[in-house]
All heavy atoms as atom14 arrays in JSON, in Angstrom:
{
  "sequence": "EEQKKQDERIRQRTHEIELMHRLANMLAACNNMVEAQKIVS",
  "atom14_mask": [
    [1, 1, 1, 1, 1, 1, 1, 1, 1, 0, 0, 0, 0, 0],
    [1, 1, 1, 1, 1, 1, 1, 1, 1, 0, 0, 0, 0, 0],
    [1, 1, 1, 1, 1, 1, 1, 1, 1, 0, 0, 0, 0, 0],
    [1, 1, 1, 1, 1, 1, 1, 1, 1, 0, 0, 0, 0, 0],
    [1, 1, 1, 1, 1, 1, 1, 1, 1, 0, 0, 0, 0, 0],
    [1, 1, 1, 1, 1, 1, 1, 1, 1, 0, 0, 0, 0, 0],
    [1, 1, 1, 1, 1, 1, 1, 1, 0, 0, 0, 0, 0, 0],
    [1, 1, 1, 1, 1, 1, 1, 1, 1, 0, 0, 0, 0, 0],
    [1, 1, 1, 1, 1, 1, 1, 1, 1, 1, 1, 0, 0, 0],
    [1, 1, 1, 1, 1, 1, 1, 1, 0, 0, 0, 0, 0, 0],
    [1, 1, 1, 1, 1, 1, 1, 1, 1, 1, 1, 0, 0, 0],
    [1, 1, 1, 1, 1, 1, 1, 1, 1, 0, 0, 0, 0, 0],
    [1, 1, 1, 1, 1, 1, 1, 1, 1, 1, 1, 0, 0, 0],
    [1, 1, 1, 1, 1, 1, 1, 0, 0, 0, 0, 0, 0, 0],
    [1, 1, 1, 1, 1, 1, 1, 1, 1, 1, 0, 0, 0, 0],
    [1, 1, 1, 1, 1, 1, 1, 1, 1, 0, 0, 0, 0, 0],
    [1, 1, 1, 1, 1, 1, 1, 1, 0, 0, 0, 0, 0, 0],
    [1, 1, 1, 1, 1, 1, 1, 1, 1, 0, 0, 0, 0, 0],
    [1, 1, 1, 1, 1, 1, 1, 1, 0, 0, 0, 0, 0, 0],
    [1, 1, 1, 1, 1, 1, 1, 1, 0, 0, 0, 0, 0, 0],
    [1, 1, 1, 1, 1, 1, 1, 1, 1, 1, 0, 0, 0, 0],
    [1, 1, 1, 1, 1, 1, 1, 1, 1, 1, 1, 0, 0, 0],
    [1, 1, 1, 1, 1, 1, 1, 1, 0, 0, 0, 0, 0, 0],
    [1, 1, 1, 1, 1, 0, 0, 0, 0, 0, 0, 0, 0, 0],
    [1, 1, 1, 1, 1, 1, 1, 1, 0, 0, 0, 0, 0, 0],
    [1, 1, 1, 1, 1, 1, 1, 1, 0, 0, 0, 0, 0, 0],
    [1, 1, 1, 1, 1, 1, 1, 1, 0, 0, 0, 0, 0, 0],
    [1, 1, 1, 1, 1, 0, 0, 0, 0, 0, 0, 0, 0, 0],
    [1, 1, 1, 1, 1, 0, 0, 0, 0, 0, 0, 0, 0, 0],
    [1, 1, 1, 1, 1, 1, 0, 0, 0, 0, 0, 0, 0, 0],
    [1, 1, 1, 1, 1, 1, 1, 1, 0, 0, 0, 0, 0, 0],
    [1, 1, 1, 1, 1, 1, 1, 1, 0, 0, 0, 0, 0, 0],
    [1, 1, 1, 1, 1, 1, 1, 1, 0, 0, 0, 0, 0, 0],
    [1, 1, 1, 1, 1, 1, 1, 0, 0, 0, 0, 0, 0, 0],
    [1, 1, 1, 1, 1, 1, 1, 1, 1, 0, 0, 0, 0, 0],
    [1, 1, 1, 1, 1, 0, 0, 0, 0, 0, 0, 0, 0, 0],
    [1, 1, 1, 1, 1, 1, 1, 1, 1, 0, 0, 0, 0, 0],
    [1, 1, 1, 1, 1, 1, 1, 1, 1, 0, 0, 0, 0, 0],
    [1, 1, 1, 1, 1, 1, 1, 1, 0, 0, 0, 0, 0, 0],
    [1, 1, 1, 1, 1, 1, 1, 0, 0, 0, 0, 0, 0, 0],
    [1, 1, 1, 1, 1, 1, 0, 0, 0, 0, 0, 0, 0, 0]
  ],
  "atom14_positions": [
    [[41.63, 37.96, 98.09], [43.15, 37.95, 98.26], [43.99, 37.52, 96.99], [44.96, 38.12, 96.64], [43.42, 36.96, 99.42], [44.91, 36.92, 99.82], [45.19, 35.92, 100.92], [44.16, 35.4, 101.55], [46.38, 35.54, 101.19], [0.0, 0.0, 0.0], [0.0, 0.0, 0.0], [0.0, 0.0, 0.0], [0.0, 0.0, 0.0], [0.0, 0.0, 0.0]],
    [[43.39, 36.51, 96.33], [44.05, 36.01, 95.08], [43.96, 37.16, 94.0], [44.87, 37.34, 93.27], [43.37, 34.71, 94.63], [43.71, 33.57, 95.45], [45.13, 33.23, 95.43], [45.85, 33.38, 94.41], [45.77, 32.79, 96.52], [0.0, 0.0, 0.0], [0.0, 0.0, 0.0], [0.0, 0.0, 0.0], [0.0, 0.0, 0.0], [0.0, 0.0, 0.0]],
    [[42.78, 37.82, 93.99], [42.66, 38.87, 93.04], [43.68, 40.01, 93.23], [44.19, 40.55, 92.34], [41.16, 39.48, 93.15], [40.82, 40.5, 92.04], [40.84, 39.91, 90.69], [40.42, 38.83, 90.45], [41.42, 40.74, 89.7], [0.0, 0.0, 0.0], [0.0, 0.0, 0.0], [0.0, 0.0, 0.0], [0.0, 0.0, 0.0], [0.0, 0.0, 0.0]],
    [[43.85, 40.32, 94.55], [44.83, 41.38, 94.93], [46.21, 40.9, 94.51], [47.04, 41.68, 93.93], [44.77, 41.68, 96.4], [43.56, 42.41, 96.83], [43.6, 42.65, 98.29], [42.33, 43.46, 98.74], [42.27, 43.74, 100.28], [0.0, 0.0, 0.0], [0.0, 0.0, 0.0], [0.0, 0.0, 0.0], [0.0, 0.0, 0.0], [0.0, 0.0, 0.0]],
    [[46.53, 39.59, 94.72], [47.85, 39.11, 94.42], [47.91, 39.09, 92.85], [49.08, 39.46, 92.36], [47.96, 37.68, 94.87], [48.14, 37.55, 96.39], [48.41, 36.13, 96.86], [48.49, 35.97, 98.27], [48.66, 34.6, 98.79], [0.0, 0.0, 0.0], [0.0, 0.0, 0.0], [0.0, 0.0, 0.0], [0.0, 0.0, 0.0], [0.0, 0.0, 0.0]],
    [[46.89, 38.8, 92.18], [46.89, 38.74, 90.73], [47.08, 40.11, 90.17], [47.83, 40.36, 89.2], [45.67, 38.07, 90.14], [45.65, 37.86, 88.64], [46.7, 36.88, 88.15], [47.08, 36.06, 88.99], [47.03, 36.91, 86.9], [0.0, 0.0, 0.0], [0.0, 0.0, 0.0], [0.0, 0.0, 0.0], [0.0, 0.0, 0.0], [0.0, 0.0, 0.0]],
    [[46.35, 41.08, 90.75], [46.53, 42.47, 90.3], [47.91, 43.0, 90.57], [48.49, 43.72, 89.82], [45.52, 43.33, 91.08], [44.03, 43.06, 90.68], [43.88, 42.5, 89.62], [43.11, 43.45, 91.4], [0.0, 0.0, 0.0], [0.0, 0.0, 0.0], [0.0, 0.0, 0.0], [0.0, 0.0, 0.0], [0.0, 0.0, 0.0], [0.0, 0.0, 0.0]],
    [[48.44, 42.55, 91.78], [49.81, 43.0, 92.05], [50.82, 42.31, 91.1], [51.73, 43.04, 90.68], [50.15, 42.55, 93.53], [51.62, 42.91, 93.97], [51.9, 44.34, 93.93], [50.92, 45.15, 94.03], [53.1, 44.73, 93.85], [0.0, 0.0, 0.0], [0.0, 0.0, 0.0], [0.0, 0.0, 0.0], [0.0, 0.0, 0.0], [0.0, 0.0, 0.0]],
    [[50.59, 41.04, 90.78], [51.5, 40.37, 89.78], [51.32, 41.13, 88.49], [52.41, 41.35, 87.76], [51.05, 38.92, 89.66], [51.57, 38.09, 90.81], [51.5, 36.57, 90.47], [50.08, 36.13, 90.45], [49.55, 35.57, 91.52], [50.16, 35.43, 92.64], [48.22, 35.15, 91.45], [0.0, 0.0, 0.0], [0.0, 0.0, 0.0], [0.0, 0.0, 0.0]],
    [[50.13, 41.4, 88.01], [49.91, 42.13, 86.73], [50.65, 43.47, 86.72], [51.35, 43.87, 85.86], [48.47, 42.23, 86.39], [47.84, 40.84, 86.16], [48.18, 43.18, 85.2], [46.34, 40.89, 86.06], [0.0, 0.0, 0.0], [0.0, 0.0, 0.0], [0.0, 0.0, 0.0], [0.0, 0.0, 0.0], [0.0, 0.0, 0.0], [0.0, 0.0, 0.0]],
    [[50.43, 44.19, 87.92], [51.1, 45.52, 88.02], [52.61, 45.31, 87.96], [53.31, 46.17, 87.34], [50.65, 46.14, 89.36], [51.11, 47.56, 89.5], [51.14, 48.05, 90.98], [52.06, 47.32, 91.76], [53.39, 47.62, 91.78], [53.86, 48.55, 91.02], [54.18, 46.85, 92.52], [0.0, 0.0, 0.0], [0.0, 0.0, 0.0], [0.0, 0.0, 0.0]],
    [[53.13, 44.34, 88.74], [54.59, 44.13, 88.78], [55.1, 43.81, 87.33], [56.09, 44.34, 86.87], [54.88, 42.98, 89.72], [56.36, 42.82, 89.83], [57.13, 43.89, 90.6], [56.5, 44.69, 91.28], [58.36, 44.15, 90.34], [0.0, 0.0, 0.0], [0.0, 0.0, 0.0], [0.0, 0.0, 0.0], [0.0, 0.0, 0.0], [0.0, 0.0, 0.0]],
    [[54.31, 42.82, 86.6], [54.79, 42.48, 85.27], [54.7, 43.7, 84.28], [55.63, 43.87, 83.54], [53.86, 41.38, 84.76], [53.94, 40.07, 85.47], [55.31, 39.37, 85.43], [56.19, 39.8, 86.45], [56.14, 39.41, 87.74], [55.22, 38.48, 88.04], [57.0, 39.79, 88.63], [0.0, 0.0, 0.0], [0.0, 0.0, 0.0], [0.0, 0.0, 0.0]],
    [[53.66, 44.51, 84.49], [53.51, 45.69, 83.67], [54.68, 46.67, 83.95], [55.28, 47.27, 83.07], [52.17, 46.35, 83.94], [51.11, 45.42, 83.69], [51.97, 47.57, 83.01], [0.0, 0.0, 0.0], [0.0, 0.0, 0.0], [0.0, 0.0, 0.0], [0.0, 0.0, 0.0], [0.0, 0.0, 0.0], [0.0, 0.0, 0.0], [0.0, 0.0, 0.0]],
    [[55.04, 46.78, 85.22], [56.17, 47.66, 85.65], [57.43, 47.16, 85.09], [58.29, 47.95, 84.54], [56.2, 47.72, 87.18], [57.22, 48.65, 87.63], [57.23, 50.02, 87.4], [58.41, 48.45, 88.4], [58.25, 50.58, 87.97], [58.96, 49.67, 88.58], [0.0, 0.0, 0.0], [0.0, 0.0, 0.0], [0.0, 0.0, 0.0], [0.0, 0.0, 0.0]],
    [[57.61, 45.84, 85.06], [58.83, 45.23, 84.62], [58.91, 45.4, 83.02], [60.01, 45.69, 82.56], [58.83, 43.77, 84.95], [59.12, 43.51, 86.43], [58.83, 42.07, 86.8], [58.41, 41.25, 85.95], [59.0, 41.74, 87.95], [0.0, 0.0, 0.0], [0.0, 0.0, 0.0], [0.0, 0.0, 0.0], [0.0, 0.0, 0.0], [0.0, 0.0, 0.0]],
    [[57.77, 45.24, 82.34], [57.79, 45.5, 80.91], [58.15, 46.93, 80.53], [58.95, 47.19, 79.67], [56.43, 45.13, 80.37], [56.22, 43.56, 80.42], [56.32, 45.52, 78.9], [54.8, 43.16, 80.09], [0.0, 0.0, 0.0], [0.0, 0.0, 0.0], [0.0, 0.0, 0.0], [0.0, 0.0, 0.0], [0.0, 0.0, 0.0], [0.0, 0.0, 0.0]],
    [[57.6, 47.88, 81.36], [57.79, 49.22, 81.11], [59.35, 49.53, 81.46], [60.03, 50.29, 80.68], [57.02, 50.11, 82.02], [57.25, 51.6, 81.96], [56.97, 52.17, 80.55], [56.2, 51.62, 79.81], [57.59, 53.25, 80.2], [0.0, 0.0, 0.0], [0.0, 0.0, 0.0], [0.0, 0.0, 0.0], [0.0, 0.0, 0.0], [0.0, 0.0, 0.0]],
    [[59.94, 48.94, 82.43], [61.33, 49.09, 82.74], [62.16, 48.52, 81.62], [63.17, 49.16, 81.22], [61.66, 48.45, 84.08], [61.19, 49.19, 85.37], [61.48, 48.33, 86.56], [61.93, 50.57, 85.53], [0.0, 0.0, 0.0], [0.0, 0.0, 0.0], [0.0, 0.0, 0.0], [0.0, 0.0, 0.0], [0.0, 0.0, 0.0], [0.0, 0.0, 0.0]],
    [[61.71, 47.4, 81.1], [62.46, 46.77, 80.01], [62.46, 47.67, 78.8], [63.5, 47.84, 78.07], [61.87, 45.4, 79.6], [62.13, 44.34, 80.64], [63.8, 43.71, 80.61], [63.58, 42.34, 81.8], [0.0, 0.0, 0.0], [0.0, 0.0, 0.0], [0.0, 0.0, 0.0], [0.0, 0.0, 0.0], [0.0, 0.0, 0.0], [0.0, 0.0, 0.0]],
    [[61.32, 48.24, 78.55], [61.15, 49.19, 77.41], [62.04, 50.42, 77.62], [62.7, 50.89, 76.66], [59.66, 49.63, 77.33], [59.4, 50.54, 76.23], [59.49, 50.17, 74.84], [58.98, 51.79, 76.17], [59.19, 51.23, 74.06], [58.95, 52.15, 74.84], [0.0, 0.0, 0.0], [0.0, 0.0, 0.0], [0.0, 0.0, 0.0], [0.0, 0.0, 0.0]],
    [[62.03, 50.97, 78.87], [62.86, 52.15, 79.18], [64.4, 51.82, 79.01], [65.21, 52.56, 78.43], [62.66, 52.64, 80.61], [61.27, 53.12, 80.83], [61.04, 54.5, 80.27], [59.77, 55.03, 80.54], [59.4, 55.79, 81.59], [60.33, 56.0, 82.49], [58.16, 56.24, 81.77], [0.0, 0.0, 0.0], [0.0, 0.0, 0.0], [0.0, 0.0, 0.0]],
    [[64.76, 50.59, 79.47], [66.09, 50.11, 79.4], [66.58, 50.05, 77.97], [67.67, 50.56, 77.56], [66.27, 48.74, 80.12], [67.69, 48.11, 79.95], [68.74, 48.94, 80.72], [67.63, 46.7, 80.53], [0.0, 0.0, 0.0], [0.0, 0.0, 0.0], [0.0, 0.0, 0.0], [0.0, 0.0, 0.0], [0.0, 0.0, 0.0], [0.0, 0.0, 0.0]],
    [[65.74, 49.47, 77.06], [66.09, 49.31, 75.66], [66.18, 50.69, 74.96], [67.13, 50.9, 74.27], [64.99, 48.5, 74.98], [0.0, 0.0, 0.0], [0.0, 0.0, 0.0], [0.0, 0.0, 0.0], [0.0, 0.0, 0.0], [0.0, 0.0, 0.0], [0.0, 0.0, 0.0], [0.0, 0.0, 0.0], [0.0, 0.0, 0.0], [0.0, 0.0, 0.0]],
    [[65.25, 51.56, 75.34], [65.27, 52.9, 74.7], [66.45, 53.75, 75.16], [67.11, 54.41, 74.35], [63.97, 53.59, 75.02], [62.79, 53.18, 74.26], [62.93, 52.4, 73.23], [61.56, 53.51, 74.72], [0.0, 0.0, 0.0], [0.0, 0.0, 0.0], [0.0, 0.0, 0.0], [0.0, 0.0, 0.0], [0.0, 0.0, 0.0], [0.0, 0.0, 0.0]],
    [[66.74, 53.64, 76.46], [67.85, 54.42, 77.0], [69.19, 53.92, 76.45], [70.15, 54.71, 76.16], [67.85, 54.42, 78.55], [66.66, 55.09, 79.12], [66.49, 56.89, 78.58], [67.97, 57.52, 79.32], [0.0, 0.0, 0.0], [0.0, 0.0, 0.0], [0.0, 0.0, 0.0], [0.0, 0.0, 0.0], [0.0, 0.0, 0.0], [0.0, 0.0, 0.0]],
    [[69.34, 52.57, 76.48], [70.64, 51.98, 75.92], [70.75, 52.34, 74.42], [71.87, 52.51, 73.97], [70.6, 50.49, 76.04], [70.8, 50.0, 77.55], [70.78, 48.52, 77.6], [72.16, 50.45, 78.13], [0.0, 0.0, 0.0], [0.0, 0.0, 0.0], [0.0, 0.0, 0.0], [0.0, 0.0, 0.0], [0.0, 0.0, 0.0], [0.0, 0.0, 0.0]],
    [[69.66, 52.35, 73.71], [69.76, 52.7, 72.3], [70.13, 54.19, 72.05], [70.78, 54.46, 71.02], [68.39, 52.44, 71.6], [0.0, 0.0, 0.0], [0.0, 0.0, 0.0], [0.0, 0.0, 0.0], [0.0, 0.0, 0.0], [0.0, 0.0, 0.0], [0.0, 0.0, 0.0], [0.0, 0.0, 0.0], [0.0, 0.0, 0.0], [0.0, 0.0, 0.0]],
    [[69.92, 55.02, 73.02], [70.19, 56.45, 72.93], [71.68, 56.77, 73.43], [72.06, 57.88, 73.41], [69.23, 57.23, 73.66], [0.0, 0.0, 0.0], [0.0, 0.0, 0.0], [0.0, 0.0, 0.0], [0.0, 0.0, 0.0], [0.0, 0.0, 0.0], [0.0, 0.0, 0.0], [0.0, 0.0, 0.0], [0.0, 0.0, 0.0], [0.0, 0.0, 0.0]],
    [[72.37, 55.65, 74.01], [73.65, 55.95, 74.58], [74.67, 56.23, 73.54], [74.57, 55.72, 72.43], [74.17, 54.71, 75.41], [73.25, 54.54, 77.01], [0.0, 0.0, 0.0], [0.0, 0.0, 0.0], [0.0, 0.0, 0.0], [0.0, 0.0, 0.0], [0.0, 0.0, 0.0], [0.0, 0.0, 0.0], [0.0, 0.0, 0.0], [0.0, 0.0, 0.0]],
    [[75.65, 57.06, 73.91], [76.76, 57.3, 72.96], [78.06, 56.63, 73.41], [78.92, 56.48, 72.59], [77.04, 58.86, 72.93], [75.91, 59.6, 72.27], [75.33, 59.18, 71.23], [75.64, 60.78, 72.75], [0.0, 0.0, 0.0], [0.0, 0.0, 0.0], [0.0, 0.0, 0.0], [0.0, 0.0, 0.0], [0.0, 0.0, 0.0], [0.0, 0.0, 0.0]],
    [[78.14, 56.21, 74.61], [79.36, 55.54, 75.17], [79.03, 54.7, 76.32], [77.92, 54.66, 76.77], [80.43, 56.55, 75.45], [79.89, 57.68, 76.33], [79.37, 57.39, 77.43], [79.96, 58.93, 75.91], [0.0, 0.0, 0.0], [0.0, 0.0, 0.0], [0.0, 0.0, 0.0], [0.0, 0.0, 0.0], [0.0, 0.0, 0.0], [0.0, 0.0, 0.0]],
    [[80.07, 53.94, 76.75], [79.85, 53.06, 77.87], [79.68, 53.76, 79.22], [79.07, 53.25, 80.15], [81.16, 52.1, 78.03], [81.17, 50.99, 77.02], [79.84, 49.81, 77.32], [80.1, 48.77, 75.93], [0.0, 0.0, 0.0], [0.0, 0.0, 0.0], [0.0, 0.0, 0.0], [0.0, 0.0, 0.0], [0.0, 0.0, 0.0], [0.0, 0.0, 0.0]],
    [[80.12, 54.95, 79.34], [79.93, 55.71, 80.57], [78.44, 56.0, 80.76], [77.91, 55.8, 81.8], [80.69, 57.04, 80.5], [80.42, 57.98, 81.72], [82.18, 56.77, 80.44], [0.0, 0.0, 0.0], [0.0, 0.0, 0.0], [0.0, 0.0, 0.0], [0.0, 0.0, 0.0], [0.0, 0.0, 0.0], [0.0, 0.0, 0.0], [0.0, 0.0, 0.0]],
    [[77.74, 56.36, 79.71], [76.26, 56.55, 79.8], [75.57, 55.25, 80.0], [74.67, 55.18, 80.79], [75.78, 57.23, 78.52], [76.32, 58.61, 78.27], [75.77, 59.29, 77.02], [75.24, 58.54, 76.15], [75.93, 60.45, 76.84], [0.0, 0.0, 0.0], [0.0, 0.0, 0.0], [0.0, 0.0, 0.0], [0.0, 0.0, 0.0], [0.0, 0.0, 0.0]],
    [[76.08, 54.23, 79.38], [75.43, 52.88, 79.54], [75.55, 52.43, 81.05], [74.73, 51.88, 81.58], [76.06, 51.82, 78.68], [0.0, 0.0, 0.0], [0.0, 0.0, 0.0], [0.0, 0.0, 0.0], [0.0, 0.0, 0.0], [0.0, 0.0, 0.0], [0.0, 0.0, 0.0], [0.0, 0.0, 0.0], [0.0, 0.0, 0.0], [0.0, 0.0, 0.0]],
    [[76.75, 52.73, 81.64], [76.95, 52.38, 83.04], [75.91, 53.05, 83.94], [75.35, 52.46, 84.89], [78.36, 52.76, 83.47], [78.71, 52.56, 84.9], [78.55, 51.18, 85.43], [79.15, 50.3, 84.89], [77.76, 50.96, 86.53], [0.0, 0.0, 0.0], [0.0, 0.0, 0.0], [0.0, 0.0, 0.0], [0.0, 0.0, 0.0], [0.0, 0.0, 0.0]],
    [[75.66, 54.39, 83.72], [74.66, 55.09, 84.48], [73.37, 54.5, 84.29], [72.54, 54.38, 85.29], [74.66, 56.55, 84.03], [75.95, 57.33, 84.38], [75.85, 58.83, 83.88], [77.13, 59.56, 84.18], [77.05, 60.94, 83.7], [0.0, 0.0, 0.0], [0.0, 0.0, 0.0], [0.0, 0.0, 0.0], [0.0, 0.0, 0.0], [0.0, 0.0, 0.0]],
    [[72.99, 54.13, 83.11], [71.66, 53.59, 82.83], [71.43, 52.24, 83.6], [70.42, 51.99, 84.29], [71.39, 53.4, 81.36], [71.29, 54.74, 80.7], [70.21, 52.6, 81.04], [71.3, 54.81, 79.3], [0.0, 0.0, 0.0], [0.0, 0.0, 0.0], [0.0, 0.0, 0.0], [0.0, 0.0, 0.0], [0.0, 0.0, 0.0], [0.0, 0.0, 0.0]],
    [[72.38, 51.31, 83.46], [72.21, 49.97, 84.1], [72.23, 50.08, 85.63], [71.61, 49.41, 86.28], [73.31, 48.88, 83.51], [73.18, 48.73, 81.99], [74.64, 49.33, 83.9], [0.0, 0.0, 0.0], [0.0, 0.0, 0.0], [0.0, 0.0, 0.0], [0.0, 0.0, 0.0], [0.0, 0.0, 0.0], [0.0, 0.0, 0.0], [0.0, 0.0, 0.0]],
    [[73.08, 51.06, 86.09], [73.18, 51.14, 87.57], [71.77, 51.73, 88.1], [71.46, 51.38, 89.27], [74.24, 52.17, 87.92], [75.5, 51.66, 87.52], [0.0, 0.0, 0.0], [0.0, 0.0, 0.0], [0.0, 0.0, 0.0], [0.0, 0.0, 0.0], [0.0, 0.0, 0.0], [0.0, 0.0, 0.0], [0.0, 0.0, 0.0], [0.0, 0.0, 0.0]]
  ]
}
């Protein structure tokens, strides 16, 4: 059970890191606030 929880936590943290990476990349590619609004939403 703890291993599953740990695996889930690792999966969740990995997913969050990937989302952070996507957020940074997408915001860096934005040209205006309208596009930034779509990304953060």
